C-alpha atoms as a PDB file:
ATOM      1  CA  MET A   1     103.079 122.943  93.556  1.00  0.00           C
ATOM      2  CA  ILE A   2     101.960 119.393  94.518  1.00  0.00           C
ATOM      3  CA  ASN A   3      98.187 118.831  94.550  1.00  0.00           C
ATOM      4  CA  GLY A   4      96.036 116.291  96.144  1.00  0.00           C
ATOM      5  CA  CYS A   5      99.007 114.422  97.835  1.00  0.00           C
ATOM      6  CA  PHE A   6      98.589 111.512 100.279  1.00  0.00           C
ATOM      7  CA  LEU A   7     100.341 108.542 101.880  1.00  0.00           C
ATOM      8  CA  ALA A   8      98.938 105.083 101.116  1.00  0.00           C
ATOM      9  CA  ILE A   9      99.465 101.304 101.077  1.00  0.00           C
ATOM     10  CA  PRO A  10      99.264 100.154  97.487  1.00  0.00           C
ATOM     11  CA  LEU A  11      97.197  97.001  97.029  1.00  0.00           C
ATOM     12  CA  PRO A  12      98.865  93.856  95.609  1.00  0.00           C
ATOM     13  CA  PRO A  13      97.784  92.773  92.069  1.00  0.00           C
ATOM     14  CA  LYS A  14      95.422  89.972  93.448  1.00  0.00           C
ATOM     15  CA  GLN A  15      93.513  92.498  95.685  1.00  0.00           C
ATOM     16  CA  VAL A  16      93.408  94.992  92.695  1.00  0.00           C
ATOM     17  CA  LYS A  17      91.475  92.317  90.676  1.00  0.00           C
ATOM     18  CA  GLU A  18      89.173  91.565  93.703  1.00  0.00           C
ATOM     19  CA  PHE A  19      88.532  95.312  94.236  1.00  0.00           C
ATOM     20  CA  SER A  20      87.589  95.784  90.486  1.00  0.00           C
ATOM     21  CA  LYS A  21      85.321  92.780  90.638  1.00  0.00           C
ATOM     22  CA  LEU A  22      83.527  94.341  93.700  1.00  0.00           C
ATOM     23  CA  GLN A  23      83.011  97.726  91.726  1.00  0.00           C
ATOM     24  CA  ASP A  24      81.754  95.831  88.785  1.00  0.00           C
ATOM     25  CA  SER A  25      79.076  94.179  90.987  1.00  0.00           C
ATOM     26  CA  LEU A  26      78.222  97.459  92.447  1.00  0.00           C
ATOM     27  CA  LYS A  27      77.997  99.148  89.106  1.00  0.00           C
ATOM     28  CA  THR A  28      75.104  96.821  88.152  1.00  0.00           C
ATOM     29  CA  LEU A  29      73.045  98.828  90.619  1.00  0.00           C
ATOM     30  CA  LYS A  30      73.837 102.008  88.616  1.00  0.00           C
ATOM     31  CA  PRO A  31      74.474 103.897  91.812  1.00  0.00           C
ATOM     32  CA  SER A  32      74.838 107.757  91.840  1.00  0.00           C
ATOM     33  CA  VAL A  33      78.491 107.572  92.855  1.00  0.00           C
ATOM     34  CA  LYS A  34      81.930 108.094  91.310  1.00  0.00           C
ATOM     35  CA  PHE A  35      83.942 105.002  91.797  1.00  0.00           C
ATOM     36  CA  GLN A  36      87.581 105.009  92.953  1.00  0.00           C
ATOM     37  CA  LYS A  37      89.974 104.287  90.206  1.00  0.00           C
ATOM     38  CA  ALA A  38      89.823 100.423  89.835  1.00  0.00           C
ATOM     39  CA  ASP A  39      93.422 100.100  88.553  1.00  0.00           C
ATOM     40  CA  ALA A  40      95.121 101.801  91.471  1.00  0.00           C
ATOM     41  CA  PRO A  41      93.250 101.021  94.831  1.00  0.00           C
ATOM     42  CA  HIS A  42      95.080 101.800  97.928  1.00  0.00           C
ATOM     43  CA  VAL A  43      94.763 102.130 101.675  1.00  0.00           C
ATOM     44  CA  THR A  44      94.908 105.852 102.472  1.00  0.00           C
ATOM     45  CA  LEU A  45      96.882 106.641 105.604  1.00  0.00           C
ATOM     46  CA  MET A  46      97.095 110.348 105.458  1.00  0.00           C
ATOM     47  CA  TYR A  47      95.919 113.053 103.093  1.00  0.00           C
ATOM     48  CA  PHE A  48      98.345 116.081 102.904  1.00  0.00           C
ATOM     49  CA  GLY A  49      96.360 118.241 100.449  1.00  0.00           C
ATOM     50  CA  ASN A  50      98.297 120.691  98.440  1.00  0.00           C
ATOM     51  CA  PHE A  51     101.855 121.950  99.298  1.00  0.00           C
ATOM     52  CA  ARG A  52     104.943 123.413  97.631  1.00  0.00           C
ATOM     53  CA  ASP A  53     107.306 121.024  95.997  1.00  0.00           C
ATOM     54  CA  GLU A  54     110.156 121.429  98.445  1.00  0.00           C
ATOM     55  CA  LYS A  55     108.035 119.665 101.162  1.00  0.00           C
ATOM     56  CA  LEU A  56     107.934 116.313  99.277  1.00  0.00           C
ATOM     57  CA  PRO A  57     111.563 115.341  99.858  1.00  0.00           C
ATOM     58  CA  LYS A  58     111.220 116.017 103.633  1.00  0.00           C
ATOM     59  CA  ILE A  59     108.027 113.852 103.860  1.00  0.00           C
ATOM     60  CA  TRP A  60     109.568 111.188 101.729  1.00  0.00           C
ATOM     61  CA  GLU A  61     112.761 110.981 103.795  1.00  0.00           C
ATOM     62  CA  LYS A  62     110.590 110.420 106.956  1.00  0.00           C
ATOM     63  CA  VAL A  63     108.559 107.746 105.093  1.00  0.00           C
ATOM     64  CA  LYS A  64     111.657 105.905 103.922  1.00  0.00           C
ATOM     65  CA  ILE A  65     113.244 105.913 107.420  1.00  0.00           C
ATOM     66  CA  PHE A  66     110.000 104.625 108.856  1.00  0.00           C
ATOM     67  CA  ALA A  67     109.565 101.845 106.171  1.00  0.00           C
ATOM     68  CA  SER A  68     113.048 100.669 106.628  1.00  0.00           C
ATOM     69  CA  THR A  69     112.114  99.663 110.141  1.00  0.00           C
ATOM     70  CA  CYS A  70     109.012  97.802 109.133  1.00  0.00           C
ATOM     71  CA  ALA A  71     108.327  94.136 108.462  1.00  0.00           C
ATOM     72  CA  PRO A  72     105.651  92.956 106.115  1.00  0.00           C
ATOM     73  CA  PHE A  73     102.276  91.978 107.600  1.00  0.00           C
ATOM     74  CA  GLU A  74      98.854  90.691 106.604  1.00  0.00           C
ATOM     75  CA  LEU A  75      95.914  93.159 106.534  1.00  0.00           C
ATOM     76  CA  THR A  76      92.283  92.111 106.438  1.00  0.00           C
ATOM     77  CA  ILE A  77      90.063  94.444 104.465  1.00  0.00           C
ATOM     78  CA  GLY A  78      86.345  94.359 104.577  1.00  0.00           C
ATOM     79  CA  GLY A  79      83.116  96.039 105.894  1.00  0.00           C
ATOM     80  CA  ILE A  80      81.488  98.980 104.374  1.00  0.00           C
ATOM     81  CA  ARG A  81      81.755 102.310 106.187  1.00  0.00           C
ATOM     82  CA  TYR A  82      80.959 105.957 105.301  1.00  0.00           C
ATOM     83  CA  PHE A  83      82.540 109.363 105.915  1.00  0.00           C
ATOM     84  CA  GLY A  84      79.867 111.883 106.474  1.00  0.00           C
ATOM     85  CA  THR A  85      76.633 111.154 108.270  1.00  0.00           C
ATOM     86  CA  GLU A  86      73.880 108.596 108.007  1.00  0.00           C
ATOM     87  CA  ARG A  87      71.694 111.060 106.210  1.00  0.00           C
ATOM     88  CA  TYR A  88      74.575 112.739 104.279  1.00  0.00           C
ATOM     89  CA  PRO A  89      77.079 110.142 103.256  1.00  0.00           C
ATOM     90  CA  ARG A  90      80.014 111.573 101.306  1.00  0.00           C
ATOM     91  CA  VAL A  91      82.419 108.628 100.741  1.00  0.00           C
ATOM     92  CA  ALA A  92      81.851 104.978 100.826  1.00  0.00           C
ATOM     93  CA  TRP A  93      84.926 103.145 102.004  1.00  0.00           C
ATOM     94  CA  LEU A  94      86.153  99.657 103.227  1.00  0.00           C
ATOM     95  CA  ASP A  95      87.463  99.153 106.709  1.00  0.00           C
ATOM     96  CA  MET A  96      90.547  97.414 108.091  1.00  0.00           C
ATOM     97  CA  ALA A  97      90.857  94.851 110.847  1.00  0.00           C
ATOM     98  CA  SER A  98      93.024  96.319 113.701  1.00  0.00           C
ATOM     99  CA  ARG A  99      96.557  95.209 113.657  1.00  0.00           C
ATOM    100  CA  PRO A 100      99.493  96.296 115.856  1.00  0.00           C
ATOM    101  CA  GLU A 101     101.401  97.155 112.709  1.00  0.00           C
ATOM    102  CA  LEU A 102      98.602  99.361 111.511  1.00  0.00           C
ATOM    103  CA  GLU A 103      98.541 101.070 115.005  1.00  0.00           C
ATOM    104  CA  GLN A 104     102.273 101.647 114.499  1.00  0.00           C
ATOM    105  CA  LEU A 105     101.717 103.308 111.179  1.00  0.00           C
ATOM    106  CA  GLY A 106      98.972 105.551 112.875  1.00  0.00           C
ATOM    107  CA  ILE A 107     101.464 106.654 115.506  1.00  0.00           C
ATOM    108  CA  PHE A 108     104.042 107.438 112.874  1.00  0.00           C
ATOM    109  CA  VAL A 109     101.587 109.457 110.758  1.00  0.00           C
ATOM    110  CA  HIS A 110     100.312 111.399 113.676  1.00  0.00           C
ATOM    111  CA  ASP A 111     103.751 112.060 115.258  1.00  0.00           C
ATOM    112  CA  GLU A 112     105.882 112.650 112.168  1.00  0.00           C
ATOM    113  CA  LEU A 113     103.581 113.690 109.250  1.00  0.00           C
ATOM    114  CA  ARG A 114     100.686 115.606 110.513  1.00  0.00           C
ATOM    115  CA  PHE A 115     102.681 118.783 110.401  1.00  0.00           C
ATOM    116  CA  TYR A 116     102.748 118.559 106.466  1.00  0.00           C
ATOM    117  CA  GLN A 117      99.023 118.591 106.097  1.00  0.00           C
ATOM    118  CA  GLU A 118      97.621 121.598 104.296  1.00  0.00           C
ATOM    119  CA  LYS A 119      94.858 121.692 106.836  1.00  0.00           C
ATOM    120  CA  ALA A 120      95.717 120.275 110.271  1.00  0.00           C
ATOM    121  CA  GLU A 121      93.151 117.747 111.082  1.00  0.00           C
ATOM    122  CA  HIS A 122      92.545 116.512 114.561  1.00  0.00           C
ATOM    123  CA  LYS A 123      90.592 113.375 113.552  1.00  0.00           C
ATOM    124  CA  PRO A 124      91.391 109.784 114.624  1.00  0.00           C
ATOM    125  CA  PHE A 125      93.671 107.748 112.438  1.00  0.00           C
ATOM    126  CA  THR A 126      91.367 105.985 109.879  1.00  0.00           C
ATOM    127  CA  PRO A 127      93.071 103.931 107.289  1.00  0.00           C
ATOM    128  CA  HIS A 128      90.552 103.191 104.687  1.00  0.00           C
ATOM    129  CA  LEU A 129      90.195 101.857 101.104  1.00  0.00           C
ATOM    130  CA  THR A 130      87.955 104.415  99.270  1.00  0.00           C
ATOM    131  CA  LEU A 131      85.260 102.729  97.236  1.00  0.00           C
ATOM    132  CA  ALA A 132      83.271 105.643  95.856  1.00  0.00           C
ATOM    133  CA  ARG A 133      82.339 109.274  96.349  1.00  0.00           C
ATOM    134  CA  ILE A 134      78.585 109.823  96.715  1.00  0.00           C
ATOM    135  CA  GLY A 135      76.945 111.919  94.104  1.00  0.00           C
ATOM    136  CA  ALA A 136      73.229 112.647  94.279  1.00  0.00           C
ATOM    137  CA  ARG A 137      72.468 111.819  97.967  1.00  0.00           C
ATOM    138  CA  LYS A 138      68.729 111.138  97.644  1.00  0.00           C
ATOM    139  CA  SER A 139      69.311 108.822  94.762  1.00  0.00           C
ATOM    140  CA  PHE A 140      72.068 106.932  96.539  1.00  0.00           C
ATOM    141  CA  LEU A 141      70.087 106.633  99.761  1.00  0.00           C
ATOM    142  CA  ALA A 142      67.381 104.838  97.787  1.00  0.00           C
ATOM    143  CA  GLU A 143      69.893 102.116  96.805  1.00  0.00           C
ATOM    144  CA  LYS A 144      72.119 102.113  99.765  1.00  0.00           C
ATOM    145  CA  SER A 145      70.798  98.938 101.434  1.00  0.00           C
ATOM    146  CA  GLU A 146      71.619  96.876  98.321  1.00  0.00           C
ATOM    147  CA  PHE A 147      74.961  98.693  97.803  1.00  0.00           C
ATOM    148  CA  ASP A 148      75.823  97.855 101.418  1.00  0.00           C
ATOM    149  CA  ARG A 149      74.775  94.305 101.065  1.00  0.00           C
ATOM    150  CA  ILE A 150      77.125  93.786  98.080  1.00  0.00           C
ATOM    151  CA  ALA A 151      79.975  95.693  99.547  1.00  0.00           C
ATOM    152  CA  ASP A 152      79.737  93.972 103.072  1.00  0.00           C
ATOM    153  CA  ASN A 153      80.250  90.608 101.406  1.00  0.00           C
ATOM    154  CA  PHE A 154      83.708  91.755 100.234  1.00  0.00           C
ATOM    155  CA  LYS A 155      86.618  90.564 102.437  1.00  0.00           C
ATOM    156  CA  THR A 156      90.244  90.173 101.466  1.00  0.00           C
ATOM    157  CA  VAL A 157      93.562  89.543 103.109  1.00  0.00           C
ATOM    158  CA  CYS A 158      96.590  91.147 101.647  1.00  0.00           C
ATOM    159  CA  ARG A 159     100.315  91.422 102.336  1.00  0.00           C
ATOM    160  CA  VAL A 160     101.336  94.887 103.269  1.00  0.00           C
ATOM    161  CA  ASP A 161     104.993  95.329 102.427  1.00  0.00           C
ATOM    162  CA  ARG A 162     105.398  98.915 101.070  1.00  0.00           C
ATOM    163  CA  LEU A 163     104.220 102.605 101.353  1.00  0.00           C
ATOM    164  CA  ALA A 164     103.652 105.052  98.516  1.00  0.00           C
ATOM    165  CA  ILE A 165     103.019 108.677  98.042  1.00  0.00           C
ATOM    166  CA  TYR A 166     100.337 109.706  95.476  1.00  0.00           C
ATOM    167  CA  ALA A 167      99.338 113.105  93.997  1.00  0.00           C
ATOM    168  CA  ALA A 168      97.740 114.750  91.045  1.00  0.00           C
ATOM    169  CA  ASP A 169      99.676 114.996  87.822  1.00  0.00           C
ATOM    170  CA  ALA A 170      99.427 118.739  86.900  1.00  0.00           C
ATOM    171  CA  ALA A 171     100.371 118.102  83.317  1.00  0.00           C
ATOM    172  CA  THR A 172      97.646 115.523  82.543  1.00  0.00           C
ATOM    173  CA  GLY A 173      95.217 116.382  85.337  1.00  0.00           C
ATOM    174  CA  GLU A 174      95.083 112.665  86.321  1.00  0.00           C
ATOM    175  CA  ARG A 175      94.498 112.192  90.033  1.00  0.00           C
ATOM    176  CA  GLN A 176      96.117 109.540  92.306  1.00  0.00           C
ATOM    177  CA  VAL A 177      99.396 109.021  90.421  1.00  0.00           C
ATOM    178  CA  LYS A 178     101.971 107.111  92.362  1.00  0.00           C
ATOM    179  CA  LEU A 179     105.001 109.380  92.754  1.00  0.00           C
ATOM    180  CA  GLN A 180     107.255 107.315  94.894  1.00  0.00           C
ATOM    181  CA  GLU A 181     107.190 103.813  96.574  1.00  0.00           C
ATOM    182  CA  VAL A 182     109.314 102.176  99.192  1.00  0.00           C
ATOM    183  CA  ALA A 183     109.242  98.473 100.291  1.00  0.00           C
ATOM    184  CA  PHE A 184     109.493  97.578 104.001  1.00  0.00           C
ATOM    185  CA  GLY A 185     112.845  96.819 105.271  1.00  0.00           C
ATOM    186  CA  GLU A 186     114.534  98.535 102.315  1.00  0.00           C
ATOM    187  CA  HIS A 187     117.923  99.845 103.317  1.00  0.00           C
ATOM    188  CA  LEU A 188     118.503 103.679 102.961  1.00  0.00           C
END
């Protein structure tokens, strides 16, 4: 069984450092959140959830075929957003500037991969870089304006040239472990 599986764009080393610095700045507020792993930030494209092992090769084959047709592109990341509602934010995340290449990824994810989701979602394609999961809501809302001010100052441009599949490691319990990665334009 594969748990907590998702497709994402891994960030390059420079942006990993920038992301870590952003989190360090936000941690000075002592917010009531659980921060994303600073050493493995990624742009989530689709969350699959849990599924049987035999599904992974099917998903991975589709991802490899798609990635072989892609060329690298630049992606601008910045702007704080939230999943949930204004009164009940659940996840703080960073937004992406719209790009034709990102739209193509969205079409691929919707047309080819949505059938593999544990729970079919009919939500719009929302690529995002998770910053933190909100803990104690009331406590977080009290510090939200300062959290937003710091996070909104973050902006980075990175080269997107690969896709990866992540999941939880059943043996160690570690979440968001990279299982497989493929570079754009890589021949099959």
